[in-house]
Amino acid sequence: MDTLITIMLVLFGIVNLCCFIAVLISLWQENMLLGIACLVGLFITGIGGLILYVWGWFQSEHRPTMITWTVSQVIFTVLWMVS
């Protein structure tokens, strides 16, 4: 059972990473300064990911990606708490 949970954690982690990168690329193309701030904030304080997440929800063209990212993150968190 632990092996299955670990495999699912890895898969949902990859989905989270892909959604993060997709939204970051879109932000970078729209506003490079904010994209740089998100990357720097991510590596220094960790809040850059939260800024990117909130920005993605405010963009209507990113709704499918943000829904996928949110569901994947919730499942990842539940699996992590179970393991």
C-alpha atoms as a PDB file:
ATOM      1  CA  MET A   1       0.000   0.000   0.000  1.00  0.00           C
ATOM      2  CA  ASP A   2       2.852   2.386   0.769  1.00  0.00           C
ATOM      3  CA  THR A   3       4.360   1.785  -2.654  1.00  0.00           C
ATOM      4  CA  LEU A   4       1.087   2.670  -4.380  1.00  0.00           C
ATOM      5  CA  ILE A   5       0.748   5.871  -2.361  1.00  0.00           C
ATOM      6  CA  THR A   6       4.337   6.806  -3.159  1.00  0.00           C
ATOM      7  CA  ILE A   7       3.769   6.260  -6.886  1.00  0.00           C
ATOM      8  CA  MET A   8       0.606   8.360  -6.762  1.00  0.00           C
ATOM      9  CA  LEU A   9       2.448  11.108  -4.863  1.00  0.00           C
ATOM     10  CA  VAL A  10       5.105  11.199  -7.572  1.00  0.00           C
ATOM     11  CA  LEU A  11       2.514  11.319 -10.355  1.00  0.00           C
ATOM     12  CA  PHE A  12       0.497  14.105  -8.741  1.00  0.00           C
ATOM     13  CA  GLY A  13       3.728  15.952  -7.969  1.00  0.00           C
ATOM     14  CA  ILE A  14       4.633  15.837 -11.651  1.00  0.00           C
ATOM     15  CA  VAL A  15       1.169  17.158 -12.571  1.00  0.00           C
ATOM     16  CA  ASN A  16       1.629  19.992 -10.043  1.00  0.00           C
ATOM     17  CA  LEU A  17       5.024  20.843 -11.499  1.00  0.00           C
ATOM     18  CA  CYS A  18       3.719  20.834 -15.084  1.00  0.00           C
ATOM     19  CA  CYS A  19       0.827  23.144 -14.170  1.00  0.00           C
ATOM     20  CA  PHE A  20       3.229  25.432 -12.287  1.00  0.00           C
ATOM     21  CA  ILE A  21       5.558  25.658 -15.271  1.00  0.00           C
ATOM     22  CA  ALA A  22       2.679  26.245 -17.730  1.00  0.00           C
ATOM     23  CA  VAL A  23       1.292  29.145 -15.692  1.00  0.00           C
ATOM     24  CA  LEU A  24       4.786  30.541 -15.057  1.00  0.00           C
ATOM     25  CA  ILE A  25       5.564  30.579 -18.784  1.00  0.00           C
ATOM     26  CA  SER A  26       2.308  32.387 -19.472  1.00  0.00           C
ATOM     27  CA  LEU A  27       3.048  34.939 -16.746  1.00  0.00           C
ATOM     28  CA  TRP A  28       6.590  35.366 -18.043  1.00  0.00           C
ATOM     29  CA  GLN A  29       5.301  36.146 -21.543  1.00  0.00           C
ATOM     30  CA  GLU A  30       2.757  38.647 -20.229  1.00  0.00           C
ATOM     31  CA  ASN A  31       4.822  40.374 -17.544  1.00  0.00           C
ATOM     32  CA  MET A  32       8.486  39.429 -17.317  1.00  0.00           C
ATOM     33  CA  LEU A  33       9.138  41.480 -14.190  1.00  0.00           C
ATOM     34  CA  LEU A  34       6.413  39.696 -12.237  1.00  0.00           C
ATOM     35  CA  GLY A  35       7.679  36.356 -13.552  1.00  0.00           C
ATOM     36  CA  ILE A  36      11.164  37.119 -12.264  1.00  0.00           C
ATOM     37  CA  ALA A  37       9.683  38.243  -8.939  1.00  0.00           C
ATOM     38  CA  CYS A  38       7.762  34.961  -8.646  1.00  0.00           C
ATOM     39  CA  LEU A  39      10.870  32.895  -9.323  1.00  0.00           C
ATOM     40  CA  VAL A  40      13.003  34.868  -6.884  1.00  0.00           C
ATOM     41  CA  GLY A  41      10.216  34.797  -4.303  1.00  0.00           C
ATOM     42  CA  LEU A  42       9.822  31.062  -4.784  1.00  0.00           C
ATOM     43  CA  PHE A  43      13.467  30.309  -4.118  1.00  0.00           C
ATOM     44  CA  ILE A  44      13.978  32.822  -1.302  1.00  0.00           C
ATOM     45  CA  THR A  45      10.744  32.747   0.695  1.00  0.00           C
ATOM     46  CA  GLY A  46       8.469  30.268  -1.068  1.00  0.00           C
ATOM     47  CA  ILE A  47       5.740  32.869  -1.542  1.00  0.00           C
ATOM     48  CA  GLY A  48       6.374  33.208  -5.277  1.00  0.00           C
ATOM     49  CA  GLY A  49       4.411  30.032  -5.932  1.00  0.00           C
ATOM     50  CA  LEU A  50       1.447  31.437  -4.036  1.00  0.00           C
ATOM     51  CA  ILE A  51       1.595  34.672  -6.041  1.00  0.00           C
ATOM     52  CA  LEU A  52       1.675  32.657  -9.260  1.00  0.00           C
ATOM     53  CA  TYR A  53      -1.240  30.513  -8.076  1.00  0.00           C
ATOM     54  CA  VAL A  54      -3.421  33.530  -7.260  1.00  0.00           C
ATOM     55  CA  TRP A  55      -2.465  35.278 -10.510  1.00  0.00           C
ATOM     56  CA  GLY A  56      -3.417  32.158 -12.475  1.00  0.00           C
ATOM     57  CA  TRP A  57      -6.894  32.066 -10.950  1.00  0.00           C
ATOM     58  CA  PHE A  58      -7.517  35.677 -11.950  1.00  0.00           C
ATOM     59  CA  GLN A  59      -6.766  34.913 -15.617  1.00  0.00           C
ATOM     60  CA  SER A  60      -9.839  33.459 -17.335  1.00  0.00           C
ATOM     61  CA  GLU A  61      -7.836  31.663 -20.034  1.00  0.00           C
ATOM     62  CA  HIS A  62      -6.039  29.608 -17.361  1.00  0.00           C
ATOM     63  CA  ARG A  63      -9.164  28.165 -15.707  1.00  0.00           C
ATOM     64  CA  PRO A  64      -8.687  24.564 -16.967  1.00  0.00           C
ATOM     65  CA  THR A  65      -5.028  24.557 -15.916  1.00  0.00           C
ATOM     66  CA  MET A  66      -5.846  26.060 -12.531  1.00  0.00           C
ATOM     67  CA  ILE A  67      -8.637  23.565 -11.882  1.00  0.00           C
ATOM     68  CA  THR A  68      -6.227  20.730 -12.717  1.00  0.00           C
ATOM     69  CA  TRP A  69      -3.549  22.253 -10.494  1.00  0.00           C
ATOM     70  CA  THR A  70      -5.966  22.723  -7.580  1.00  0.00           C
ATOM     71  CA  VAL A  71      -7.439  19.218  -7.752  1.00  0.00           C
ATOM     72  CA  SER A  72      -3.981  17.720  -8.116  1.00  0.00           C
ATOM     73  CA  GLN A  73      -2.686  19.697  -5.136  1.00  0.00           C
ATOM     74  CA  VAL A  74      -5.624  18.671  -2.945  1.00  0.00           C
ATOM     75  CA  ILE A  75      -5.179  14.992  -3.833  1.00  0.00           C
ATOM     76  CA  PHE A  76      -1.420  15.288  -3.289  1.00  0.00           C
ATOM     77  CA  THR A  77      -1.957  16.832   0.157  1.00  0.00           C
ATOM     78  CA  VAL A  78      -4.481  14.167   1.190  1.00  0.00           C
ATOM     79  CA  LEU A  79      -2.178  11.371   0.027  1.00  0.00           C
ATOM     80  CA  TRP A  80       0.765  12.934   1.833  1.00  0.00           C
ATOM     81  CA  MET A  81      -1.253  13.147   5.057  1.00  0.00           C
ATOM     82  CA  VAL A  82      -2.335   9.489   4.699  1.00  0.00           C
ATOM     83  CA  SER A  83       1.192   8.206   4.106  1.00  0.00           C
END
